[in-house]
């Protein structure tokens, strides 16, 4: 005997639930002869007479009632599969792991992720904070779905492309003499105590080049490894700090102000994806929201014309 197929089971279930071929046909959007044919084929596949036929009516046999309990479980399982497929297609369910450099992953990324997860409560999301050189390793070990780094990579297993340009901005306590200015010229920092990022930080290299270009020589006050630490020290009056715009979120209650720079000092942010597998719809949705957030923050610091 041939195995019953899902259409036959669906027709049998519809007849059992509706009590007639007529009602089953309406529910399934099929003709009555088509439903009758499917039910006959299901009976043949099972090797059972499931209905007593007479006077235009179908009366389920005891065997049909016992079988209905099982086919109902089966159809519920099919519905769950369909719902899961729809959720995955609509980027509402799944697992997602991403790695990003600290200036992005410590503030902006959690904010975007919180909004993303509110709309998708069934998503399991993992955020990894990694220094830029380590992000390619995380990708190659298949730990992450995508990575966002300050370094381009030529690893053969990865696709690398520019994702966004990020501006450097000046973090100051409100009482700082420079806080009254709407735009900070790098020459304004001459002799000013500065909280510097470590030389391993890529943004520090970009800033050093820009300072050297205008001949400005700030006074080094403290050296830290991450932009968040630089901002916290600035908030406590230890000097000015130049940090990526991505690090400016959430400092309103810490007595910290941010000012754009007169000179254009920017870094390129790079997106890593697998060279062999396409991004899931879920990953694409999250990437879109990250890009929108970066654009929104950058817009705040583009109000003033640069001097470069």
C-alpha atoms as a PDB file:
ATOM      1  CA  UNK A   1       0.000   0.000   0.000  1.00  0.00           C
ATOM      2  CA  UNK A   2       1.141   3.517  -0.772  1.00  0.00           C
ATOM      3  CA  UNK A   3       1.742   5.792   2.192  1.00  0.00           C
ATOM      4  CA  UNK A   4      -0.933   8.395   2.863  1.00  0.00           C
ATOM      5  CA  UNK A   5       0.186  11.872   1.940  1.00  0.00           C
ATOM      6  CA  UNK A   6      -0.426  15.109   3.774  1.00  0.00           C
ATOM      7  CA  UNK A   7      -3.245  16.191   1.447  1.00  0.00           C
ATOM      8  CA  UNK A   8      -5.137  12.968   2.170  1.00  0.00           C
ATOM      9  CA  UNK A   9      -4.649  13.345   5.913  1.00  0.00           C
ATOM     10  CA  UNK A  10      -5.764  16.981   5.696  1.00  0.00           C
ATOM     11  CA  UNK A  11      -8.928  15.993   3.829  1.00  0.00           C
ATOM     12  CA  UNK A  12      -9.716  13.199   6.318  1.00  0.00           C
ATOM     13  CA  UNK A  13      -9.241  15.579   9.242  1.00  0.00           C
ATOM     14  CA  UNK A  14     -11.425  18.233   7.645  1.00  0.00           C
ATOM     15  CA  UNK A  15     -14.256  15.742   7.100  1.00  0.00           C
ATOM     16  CA  UNK A  16     -13.981  14.487  10.683  1.00  0.00           C
ATOM     17  CA  UNK A  17     -14.035  18.020  12.064  1.00  0.00           C
ATOM     18  CA  UNK A  18     -16.712  19.389   9.744  1.00  0.00           C
ATOM     19  CA  UNK A  19     -18.942  16.344   9.746  1.00  0.00           C
ATOM     20  CA  UNK A  20     -19.400  16.306   5.974  1.00  0.00           C
ATOM     21  CA  UNK A  21     -17.583  16.473   2.647  1.00  0.00           C
ATOM     22  CA  UNK A  22     -19.419  19.721   1.903  1.00  0.00           C
ATOM     23  CA  UNK A  23     -18.027  21.473   4.971  1.00  0.00           C
ATOM     24  CA  UNK A  24     -14.550  20.022   4.426  1.00  0.00           C
ATOM     25  CA  UNK A  25     -14.548  21.314   0.844  1.00  0.00           C
ATOM     26  CA  UNK A  26     -15.392  24.822   2.058  1.00  0.00           C
ATOM     27  CA  UNK A  27     -12.607  24.801   4.655  1.00  0.00           C
ATOM     28  CA  UNK A  28     -10.005  23.436   2.232  1.00  0.00           C
ATOM     29  CA  UNK A  29     -11.138  25.578  -0.730  1.00  0.00           C
ATOM     30  CA  UNK A  30     -11.547  22.431  -2.828  1.00  0.00           C
ATOM     31  CA  UNK A  31     -14.432  20.917  -4.745  1.00  0.00           C
ATOM     32  CA  UNK A  32     -16.493  18.181  -3.101  1.00  0.00           C
ATOM     33  CA  UNK A  33     -15.386  15.543  -5.656  1.00  0.00           C
ATOM     34  CA  UNK A  34     -11.742  16.460  -4.939  1.00  0.00           C
ATOM     35  CA  UNK A  35     -12.259  15.969  -1.171  1.00  0.00           C
ATOM     36  CA  UNK A  36     -14.090  12.658  -1.733  1.00  0.00           C
ATOM     37  CA  UNK A  37     -11.239  11.448  -3.939  1.00  0.00           C
ATOM     38  CA  UNK A  38      -8.645  12.343  -1.291  1.00  0.00           C
ATOM     39  CA  UNK A  39     -10.648  10.570   1.452  1.00  0.00           C
ATOM     40  CA  UNK A  40     -10.994   7.426  -0.707  1.00  0.00           C
ATOM     41  CA  UNK A  41      -7.252   7.489  -1.376  1.00  0.00           C
ATOM     42  CA  UNK A  42      -6.575   7.845   2.355  1.00  0.00           C
ATOM     43  CA  UNK A  43      -8.762   4.833   3.140  1.00  0.00           C
ATOM     44  CA  UNK A  44      -6.939   2.821   0.483  1.00  0.00           C
ATOM     45  CA  UNK A  45      -3.562   3.854   1.885  1.00  0.00           C
ATOM     46  CA  UNK A  46      -4.612   2.819   5.384  1.00  0.00           C
ATOM     47  CA  UNK A  47      -6.336  -0.379   4.256  1.00  0.00           C
ATOM     48  CA  UNK A  48      -9.412   0.573   6.291  1.00  0.00           C
ATOM     49  CA  UNK A  49     -13.019   1.520   5.676  1.00  0.00           C
ATOM     50  CA  UNK A  50     -13.234   4.735   7.655  1.00  0.00           C
ATOM     51  CA  UNK A  51     -16.742   5.878   6.762  1.00  0.00           C
ATOM     52  CA  UNK A  52     -20.148   4.284   6.305  1.00  0.00           C
ATOM     53  CA  UNK A  53     -21.716   5.829   3.248  1.00  0.00           C
ATOM     54  CA  UNK A  54     -25.434   6.171   2.773  1.00  0.00           C
ATOM     55  CA  UNK A  55     -28.053   8.746   1.801  1.00  0.00           C
ATOM     56  CA  UNK A  56     -25.369  11.271   0.900  1.00  0.00           C
ATOM     57  CA  UNK A  57     -23.788  11.146   4.342  1.00  0.00           C
ATOM     58  CA  UNK A  58     -20.493   9.872   5.758  1.00  0.00           C
ATOM     59  CA  UNK A  59     -20.613   8.268   9.181  1.00  0.00           C
ATOM     60  CA  UNK A  60     -17.189   7.715  10.791  1.00  0.00           C
ATOM     61  CA  UNK A  61     -16.405   4.180  11.871  1.00  0.00           C
ATOM     62  CA  UNK A  62     -14.796   3.455  15.277  1.00  0.00           C
ATOM     63  CA  UNK A  63     -11.528   2.958  13.392  1.00  0.00           C
ATOM     64  CA  UNK A  64     -11.863   6.440  11.921  1.00  0.00           C
ATOM     65  CA  UNK A  65     -12.353   7.972  15.360  1.00  0.00           C
ATOM     66  CA  UNK A  66      -9.260   6.226  16.719  1.00  0.00           C
ATOM     67  CA  UNK A  67      -7.237   7.274  13.683  1.00  0.00           C
ATOM     68  CA  UNK A  68      -8.482  10.851  13.930  1.00  0.00           C
ATOM     69  CA  UNK A  69      -6.821  11.249  17.323  1.00  0.00           C
ATOM     70  CA  UNK A  70      -3.465  10.478  15.686  1.00  0.00           C
ATOM     71  CA  UNK A  71      -3.973  12.482  12.511  1.00  0.00           C
ATOM     72  CA  UNK A  72      -5.022  15.496  14.610  1.00  0.00           C
ATOM     73  CA  UNK A  73      -1.661  15.334  16.409  1.00  0.00           C
ATOM     74  CA  UNK A  74       0.059  15.070  13.038  1.00  0.00           C
ATOM     75  CA  UNK A  75      -1.743  18.095  11.601  1.00  0.00           C
ATOM     76  CA  UNK A  76      -0.942  20.115  14.734  1.00  0.00           C
ATOM     77  CA  UNK A  77       2.722  19.247  14.162  1.00  0.00           C
ATOM     78  CA  UNK A  78       2.478  20.365  10.541  1.00  0.00           C
ATOM     79  CA  UNK A  79       0.974  23.668  11.668  1.00  0.00           C
ATOM     80  CA  UNK A  80       3.836  24.153  14.122  1.00  0.00           C
ATOM     81  CA  UNK A  81       6.362  23.530  11.341  1.00  0.00           C
ATOM     82  CA  UNK A  82       4.566  26.042   9.118  1.00  0.00           C
ATOM     83  CA  UNK A  83       4.515  28.620  11.927  1.00  0.00           C
ATOM     84  CA  UNK A  84       8.200  28.066  12.644  1.00  0.00           C
ATOM     85  CA  UNK A  85       9.072  28.424   8.965  1.00  0.00           C
ATOM     86  CA  UNK A  86       7.049  31.631   8.755  1.00  0.00           C
ATOM     87  CA  UNK A  87       8.731  33.004  11.884  1.00  0.00           C
ATOM     88  CA  UNK A  88      12.175  32.211  10.506  1.00  0.00           C
ATOM     89  CA  UNK A  89      11.261  33.715   7.136  1.00  0.00           C
ATOM     90  CA  UNK A  90       9.954  36.849   8.815  1.00  0.00           C
ATOM     91  CA  UNK A  91      13.051  37.046  11.057  1.00  0.00           C
ATOM     92  CA  UNK A  92      11.081  36.419  14.256  1.00  0.00           C
ATOM     93  CA  UNK A  93      12.831  33.287  15.528  1.00  0.00           C
ATOM     94  CA  UNK A  94      16.295  31.778  15.555  1.00  0.00           C
ATOM     95  CA  UNK A  95      19.756  31.993  17.067  1.00  0.00           C
ATOM     96  CA  UNK A  96      22.075  34.891  16.304  1.00  0.00           C
ATOM     97  CA  UNK A  97      25.611  35.607  17.509  1.00  0.00           C
ATOM     98  CA  UNK A  98      27.596  38.690  16.578  1.00  0.00           C
ATOM     99  CA  UNK A  99      31.021  40.040  17.502  1.00  0.00           C
ATOM    100  CA  UNK A 100      31.926  43.718  17.496  1.00  0.00           C
ATOM    101  CA  UNK A 101      34.677  46.028  18.705  1.00  0.00           C
ATOM    102  CA  UNK A 102      34.160  47.597  22.170  1.00  0.00           C
ATOM    103  CA  UNK A 103      33.146  51.129  21.139  1.00  0.00           C
ATOM    104  CA  UNK A 104      30.193  49.614  19.283  1.00  0.00           C
ATOM    105  CA  UNK A 105      29.381  46.579  21.416  1.00  0.00           C
ATOM    106  CA  UNK A 106      29.332  48.217  24.867  1.00  0.00           C
ATOM    107  CA  UNK A 107      26.695  50.893  24.247  1.00  0.00           C
ATOM    108  CA  UNK A 108      25.132  51.171  20.824  1.00  0.00           C
ATOM    109  CA  UNK A 109      24.797  47.456  20.124  1.00  0.00           C
ATOM    110  CA  UNK A 110      22.954  46.604  23.372  1.00  0.00           C
ATOM    111  CA  UNK A 111      20.564  49.489  22.714  1.00  0.00           C
ATOM    112  CA  UNK A 112      19.812  48.257  19.202  1.00  0.00           C
ATOM    113  CA  UNK A 113      19.588  44.659  20.428  1.00  0.00           C
ATOM    114  CA  UNK A 114      17.043  45.558  23.125  1.00  0.00           C
ATOM    115  CA  UNK A 115      14.735  47.119  20.558  1.00  0.00           C
ATOM    116  CA  UNK A 116      15.318  44.212  18.161  1.00  0.00           C
ATOM    117  CA  UNK A 117      14.462  41.620  20.836  1.00  0.00           C
ATOM    118  CA  UNK A 118      11.326  43.425  21.986  1.00  0.00           C
ATOM    119  CA  UNK A 119       9.944  42.802  18.506  1.00  0.00           C
ATOM    120  CA  UNK A 120      11.291  39.208  18.408  1.00  0.00           C
ATOM    121  CA  UNK A 121      10.995  37.594  21.860  1.00  0.00           C
ATOM    122  CA  UNK A 122      11.778  34.128  20.473  1.00  0.00           C
ATOM    123  CA  UNK A 123      15.224  35.094  19.180  1.00  0.00           C
ATOM    124  CA  UNK A 124      18.282  33.891  21.121  1.00  0.00           C
ATOM    125  CA  UNK A 125      20.899  36.619  20.716  1.00  0.00           C
ATOM    126  CA  UNK A 126      24.534  36.545  21.843  1.00  0.00           C
ATOM    127  CA  UNK A 127      26.700  39.689  21.750  1.00  0.00           C
ATOM    128  CA  UNK A 128      30.460  39.221  21.884  1.00  0.00           C
ATOM    129  CA  UNK A 129      32.865  42.070  22.635  1.00  0.00           C
ATOM    130  CA  UNK A 130      36.164  41.507  20.851  1.00  0.00           C
ATOM    131  CA  UNK A 131      39.080  43.688  19.860  1.00  0.00           C
ATOM    132  CA  UNK A 132      39.138  44.219  16.104  1.00  0.00           C
ATOM    133  CA  UNK A 133      42.008  41.759  15.379  1.00  0.00           C
ATOM    134  CA  UNK A 134      40.094  39.003  17.207  1.00  0.00           C
ATOM    135  CA  UNK A 135      36.852  39.349  15.274  1.00  0.00           C
ATOM    136  CA  UNK A 136      38.109  37.498  12.196  1.00  0.00           C
ATOM    137  CA  UNK A 137      39.132  34.587  14.446  1.00  0.00           C
ATOM    138  CA  UNK A 138      35.649  34.461  15.951  1.00  0.00           C
ATOM    139  CA  UNK A 139      34.131  34.418  12.477  1.00  0.00           C
ATOM    140  CA  UNK A 140      36.450  31.694  11.151  1.00  0.00           C
ATOM    141  CA  UNK A 141      35.723  29.484  14.150  1.00  0.00           C
ATOM    142  CA  UNK A 142      32.014  29.802  13.252  1.00  0.00           C
ATOM    143  CA  UNK A 143      31.254  31.387  16.616  1.00  0.00           C
ATOM    144  CA  UNK A 144      29.416  34.302  15.018  1.00  0.00           C
ATOM    145  CA  UNK A 145      26.959  35.036  12.218  1.00  0.00           C
ATOM    146  CA  UNK A 146      28.682  38.316  11.399  1.00  0.00           C
ATOM    147  CA  UNK A 147      31.339  40.582  12.826  1.00  0.00           C
ATOM    148  CA  UNK A 148      31.887  44.342  12.850  1.00  0.00           C
ATOM    149  CA  UNK A 149      35.498  45.497  13.073  1.00  0.00           C
ATOM    150  CA  UNK A 150      37.709  48.543  12.655  1.00  0.00           C
ATOM    151  CA  UNK A 151      40.147  46.457  10.619  1.00  0.00           C
ATOM    152  CA  UNK A 152      39.639  45.098   7.103  1.00  0.00           C
ATOM    153  CA  UNK A 153      40.569  41.450   6.634  1.00  0.00           C
ATOM    154  CA  UNK A 154      41.768  39.364   3.721  1.00  0.00           C
ATOM    155  CA  UNK A 155      41.006  35.999   5.272  1.00  0.00           C
ATOM    156  CA  UNK A 156      39.866  33.715   2.409  1.00  0.00           C
ATOM    157  CA  UNK A 157      36.905  32.368   4.375  1.00  0.00           C
ATOM    158  CA  UNK A 158      35.456  35.811   5.010  1.00  0.00           C
ATOM    159  CA  UNK A 159      33.800  38.480   2.974  1.00  0.00           C
ATOM    160  CA  UNK A 160      34.813  41.963   4.152  1.00  0.00           C
ATOM    161  CA  UNK A 161      33.221  45.219   3.040  1.00  0.00           C
ATOM    162  CA  UNK A 162      32.858  48.771   4.381  1.00  0.00           C
ATOM    163  CA  UNK A 163      29.822  49.076   6.641  1.00  0.00           C
ATOM    164  CA  UNK A 164      29.899  52.701   7.841  1.00  0.00           C
ATOM    165  CA  UNK A 165      32.121  55.708   8.457  1.00  0.00           C
ATOM    166  CA  UNK A 166      32.306  56.808  12.077  1.00  0.00           C
ATOM    167  CA  UNK A 167      33.374  60.255  13.302  1.00  0.00           C
ATOM    168  CA  UNK A 168      35.592  61.009  16.269  1.00  0.00           C
ATOM    169  CA  UNK A 169      34.092  63.528  18.704  1.00  0.00           C
ATOM    170  CA  UNK A 170      35.256  65.335  21.831  1.00  0.00           C
ATOM    171  CA  UNK A 171      33.952  64.281  25.276  1.00  0.00           C
ATOM    172  CA  UNK A 172      34.052  66.994  27.947  1.00  0.00           C
ATOM    173  CA  UNK A 173      32.680  67.647  31.427  1.00  0.00           C
ATOM    174  CA  UNK A 174      30.149  70.536  31.283  1.00  0.00           C
ATOM    175  CA  UNK A 175      32.401  72.844  33.294  1.00  0.00           C
ATOM    176  CA  UNK A 176      35.369  72.392  30.934  1.00  0.00           C
ATOM    177  CA  UNK A 177      36.422  75.660  29.191  1.00  0.00           C
ATOM    178  CA  UNK A 178      35.956  74.036  25.770  1.00  0.00           C
ATOM    179  CA  UNK A 179      32.402  72.889  26.575  1.00  0.00           C
ATOM    180  CA  UNK A 180      31.119  76.375  25.676  1.00  0.00           C
ATOM    181  CA  UNK A 181      32.230  75.879  22.071  1.00  0.00           C
ATOM    182  CA  UNK A 182      29.877  74.214  19.600  1.00  0.00           C
ATOM    183  CA  UNK A 183      32.748  72.963  17.501  1.00  0.00           C
ATOM    184  CA  UNK A 184      36.151  71.839  18.777  1.00  0.00           C
ATOM    185  CA  UNK A 185      39.163  72.617  16.618  1.00  0.00           C
ATOM    186  CA  UNK A 186      42.011  70.163  17.204  1.00  0.00           C
ATOM    187  CA  UNK A 187      44.243  73.190  17.721  1.00  0.00           C
ATOM    188  CA  UNK A 188      42.059  74.071  20.740  1.00  0.00           C
ATOM    189  CA  UNK A 189      43.493  70.993  22.451  1.00  0.00           C
ATOM    190  CA  UNK A 190      47.042  72.374  22.531  1.00  0.00           C
ATOM    191  CA  UNK A 191      48.310  71.945  26.098  1.00  0.00           C
ATOM    192  CA  UNK A 192      44.917  70.669  27.333  1.00  0.00           C
ATOM    193  CA  UNK A 193      44.976  67.557  29.616  1.00  0.00           C
ATOM    194  CA  UNK A 194      43.779  64.641  27.463  1.00  0.00           C
ATOM    195  CA  UNK A 195      42.568  61.152  28.288  1.00  0.00           C
ATOM    196  CA  UNK A 196      44.125  59.064  25.537  1.00  0.00           C
ATOM    197  CA  UNK A 197      43.192  55.686  24.178  1.00  0.00           C
ATOM    198  CA  UNK A 198      46.024  53.145  24.078  1.00  0.00           C
ATOM    199  CA  UNK A 199      48.265  52.965  21.038  1.00  0.00           C
ATOM    200  CA  UNK A 200      46.732  49.579  20.147  1.00  0.00           C
ATOM    201  CA  UNK A 201      43.360  51.247  19.641  1.00  0.00           C
ATOM    202  CA  UNK A 202      42.836  51.997  15.956  1.00  0.00           C
ATOM    203  CA  UNK A 203      40.997  55.249  16.684  1.00  0.00           C
ATOM    204  CA  UNK A 204      44.101  56.510  18.531  1.00  0.00           C
ATOM    205  CA  UNK A 205      46.158  56.136  15.367  1.00  0.00           C
ATOM    206  CA  UNK A 206      43.610  58.098  13.343  1.00  0.00           C
ATOM    207  CA  UNK A 207      43.558  60.853  15.980  1.00  0.00           C
ATOM    208  CA  UNK A 208      47.354  61.060  16.251  1.00  0.00           C
ATOM    209  CA  UNK A 209      47.607  61.573  12.499  1.00  0.00           C
ATOM    210  CA  UNK A 210      44.980  64.336  12.597  1.00  0.00           C
ATOM    211  CA  UNK A 211      46.701  66.103  15.529  1.00  0.00           C
ATOM    212  CA  UNK A 212      50.070  65.919  13.803  1.00  0.00           C
ATOM    213  CA  UNK A 213      48.524  67.327  10.618  1.00  0.00           C
ATOM    214  CA  UNK A 214      47.396  70.534  12.408  1.00  0.00           C
ATOM    215  CA  UNK A 215      50.420  70.665  14.719  1.00  0.00           C
ATOM    216  CA  UNK A 216      48.421  70.303  17.927  1.00  0.00           C
ATOM    217  CA  UNK A 217      50.107  68.773  20.976  1.00  0.00           C
ATOM    218  CA  UNK A 218      47.672  68.031  23.846  1.00  0.00           C
ATOM    219  CA  UNK A 219      48.955  67.170  27.299  1.00  0.00           C
ATOM    220  CA  UNK A 220      48.572  63.458  28.084  1.00  0.00           C
ATOM    221  CA  UNK A 221      46.711  63.001  31.374  1.00  0.00           C
ATOM    222  CA  UNK A 222      45.594  59.356  31.503  1.00  0.00           C
ATOM    223  CA  UNK A 223      45.858  56.438  29.073  1.00  0.00           C
ATOM    224  CA  UNK A 224      43.040  53.875  28.845  1.00  0.00           C
ATOM    225  CA  UNK A 225      42.154  50.965  26.580  1.00  0.00           C
ATOM    226  CA  UNK A 226      38.493  51.642  25.856  1.00  0.00           C
ATOM    227  CA  UNK A 227      36.407  54.658  24.899  1.00  0.00           C
ATOM    228  CA  UNK A 228      33.972  53.968  27.750  1.00  0.00           C
ATOM    229  CA  UNK A 229      36.757  54.358  30.302  1.00  0.00           C
ATOM    230  CA  UNK A 230      37.903  57.571  28.620  1.00  0.00           C
ATOM    231  CA  UNK A 231      34.363  58.978  28.816  1.00  0.00           C
ATOM    232  CA  UNK A 232      33.995  58.091  32.482  1.00  0.00           C
ATOM    233  CA  UNK A 233      37.284  59.787  33.350  1.00  0.00           C
ATOM    234  CA  UNK A 234      36.227  62.873  31.363  1.00  0.00           C
ATOM    235  CA  UNK A 235      32.928  62.940  33.247  1.00  0.00           C
ATOM    236  CA  UNK A 236      34.927  63.041  36.490  1.00  0.00           C
ATOM    237  CA  UNK A 237      36.984  66.015  35.399  1.00  0.00           C
ATOM    238  CA  UNK A 238      40.204  64.303  34.368  1.00  0.00           C
ATOM    239  CA  UNK A 239      40.393  66.055  31.005  1.00  0.00           C
ATOM    240  CA  UNK A 240      39.015  65.915  27.491  1.00  0.00           C
ATOM    241  CA  UNK A 241      38.758  62.718  25.442  1.00  0.00           C
ATOM    242  CA  UNK A 242      38.402  62.084  21.724  1.00  0.00           C
ATOM    243  CA  UNK A 243      36.179  59.029  21.191  1.00  0.00           C
ATOM    244  CA  UNK A 244      34.141  57.433  18.382  1.00  0.00           C
ATOM    245  CA  UNK A 245      30.608  58.795  18.045  1.00  0.00           C
ATOM    246  CA  UNK A 246      29.359  55.246  18.748  1.00  0.00           C
ATOM    247  CA  UNK A 247      30.512  55.624  22.363  1.00  0.00           C
ATOM    248  CA  UNK A 248      28.413  58.730  23.074  1.00  0.00           C
ATOM    249  CA  UNK A 249      25.113  57.031  23.927  1.00  0.00           C
ATOM    250  CA  UNK A 250      23.718  56.971  27.447  1.00  0.00           C
ATOM    251  CA  UNK A 251      25.963  59.531  29.130  1.00  0.00           C
ATOM    252  CA  UNK A 252      23.280  62.157  29.725  1.00  0.00           C
ATOM    253  CA  UNK A 253      23.066  61.442  33.476  1.00  0.00           C
ATOM    254  CA  UNK A 254      26.845  61.367  33.921  1.00  0.00           C
ATOM    255  CA  UNK A 255      27.407  65.072  33.323  1.00  0.00           C
ATOM    256  CA  UNK A 256      29.219  64.614  30.022  1.00  0.00           C
ATOM    257  CA  UNK A 257      28.854  66.625  26.835  1.00  0.00           C
ATOM    258  CA  UNK A 258      30.043  65.770  23.338  1.00  0.00           C
ATOM    259  CA  UNK A 259      31.161  68.198  20.659  1.00  0.00           C
ATOM    260  CA  UNK A 260      31.945  67.546  16.994  1.00  0.00           C
ATOM    261  CA  UNK A 261      35.435  68.288  15.693  1.00  0.00           C
ATOM    262  CA  UNK A 262      36.147  71.055  13.206  1.00  0.00           C
ATOM    263  CA  UNK A 263      38.521  68.743  11.348  1.00  0.00           C
ATOM    264  CA  UNK A 264      37.052  65.605   9.807  1.00  0.00           C
ATOM    265  CA  UNK A 265      38.481  62.656  11.753  1.00  0.00           C
ATOM    266  CA  UNK A 266      36.821  59.414  10.736  1.00  0.00           C
ATOM    267  CA  UNK A 267      37.267  55.658  10.833  1.00  0.00           C
ATOM    268  CA  UNK A 268      35.801  53.049   8.520  1.00  0.00           C
ATOM    269  CA  UNK A 269      33.821  50.273  10.174  1.00  0.00           C
ATOM    270  CA  UNK A 270      34.069  46.917   8.359  1.00  0.00           C
ATOM    271  CA  UNK A 271      31.486  44.161   8.142  1.00  0.00           C
ATOM    272  CA  UNK A 272      32.647  40.527   8.122  1.00  0.00           C
ATOM    273  CA  UNK A 273      30.386  37.790   6.800  1.00  0.00           C
ATOM    274  CA  UNK A 274      31.018  34.229   5.727  1.00  0.00           C
ATOM    275  CA  UNK A 275      32.365  33.789   2.213  1.00  0.00           C
ATOM    276  CA  UNK A 276      30.441  30.516   1.897  1.00  0.00           C
ATOM    277  CA  UNK A 277      27.062  31.077   3.562  1.00  0.00           C
ATOM    278  CA  UNK A 278      24.557  33.884   2.995  1.00  0.00           C
ATOM    279  CA  UNK A 279      23.319  35.954   5.917  1.00  0.00           C
ATOM    280  CA  UNK A 280      20.010  34.843   7.399  1.00  0.00           C
ATOM    281  CA  UNK A 281      17.023  37.161   7.211  1.00  0.00           C
ATOM    282  CA  UNK A 282      17.361  37.576  10.982  1.00  0.00           C
ATOM    283  CA  UNK A 283      20.953  38.798  10.664  1.00  0.00           C
ATOM    284  CA  UNK A 284      20.033  41.128   7.815  1.00  0.00           C
ATOM    285  CA  UNK A 285      17.275  42.725   9.892  1.00  0.00           C
ATOM    286  CA  UNK A 286      19.623  43.333  12.823  1.00  0.00           C
ATOM    287  CA  UNK A 287      22.334  44.729  10.552  1.00  0.00           C
ATOM    288  CA  UNK A 288      19.812  47.130   9.067  1.00  0.00           C
ATOM    289  CA  UNK A 289      18.911  48.421  12.523  1.00  0.00           C
ATOM    290  CA  UNK A 290      22.581  48.806  13.488  1.00  0.00           C
ATOM    291  CA  UNK A 291      23.245  50.821  10.326  1.00  0.00           C
ATOM    292  CA  UNK A 292      20.232  53.042  11.021  1.00  0.00           C
ATOM    293  CA  UNK A 293      21.442  53.701  14.572  1.00  0.00           C
ATOM    294  CA  UNK A 294      24.941  54.604  13.391  1.00  0.00           C
ATOM    295  CA  UNK A 295      23.471  56.968  10.800  1.00  0.00           C
ATOM    296  CA  UNK A 296      21.248  58.592  13.439  1.00  0.00           C
ATOM    297  CA  UNK A 297      24.154  59.188  15.827  1.00  0.00           C
ATOM    298  CA  UNK A 298      26.419  60.450  13.049  1.00  0.00           C
ATOM    299  CA  UNK A 299      23.733  62.924  11.953  1.00  0.00           C
ATOM    300  CA  UNK A 300      23.894  64.602  15.366  1.00  0.00           C
ATOM    301  CA  UNK A 301      27.553  65.468  14.814  1.00  0.00           C
ATOM    302  CA  UNK A 302      27.179  66.585  11.204  1.00  0.00           C
ATOM    303  CA  UNK A 303      25.295  69.787  11.969  1.00  0.00           C
ATOM    304  CA  UNK A 304      28.400  71.888  11.658  1.00  0.00           C
ATOM    305  CA  UNK A 305      30.690  72.268   8.632  1.00  0.00           C
ATOM    306  CA  UNK A 306      34.172  70.809   9.046  1.00  0.00           C
ATOM    307  CA  UNK A 307      37.328  72.843   8.717  1.00  0.00           C
ATOM    308  CA  UNK A 308      39.209  70.239   6.687  1.00  0.00           C
END
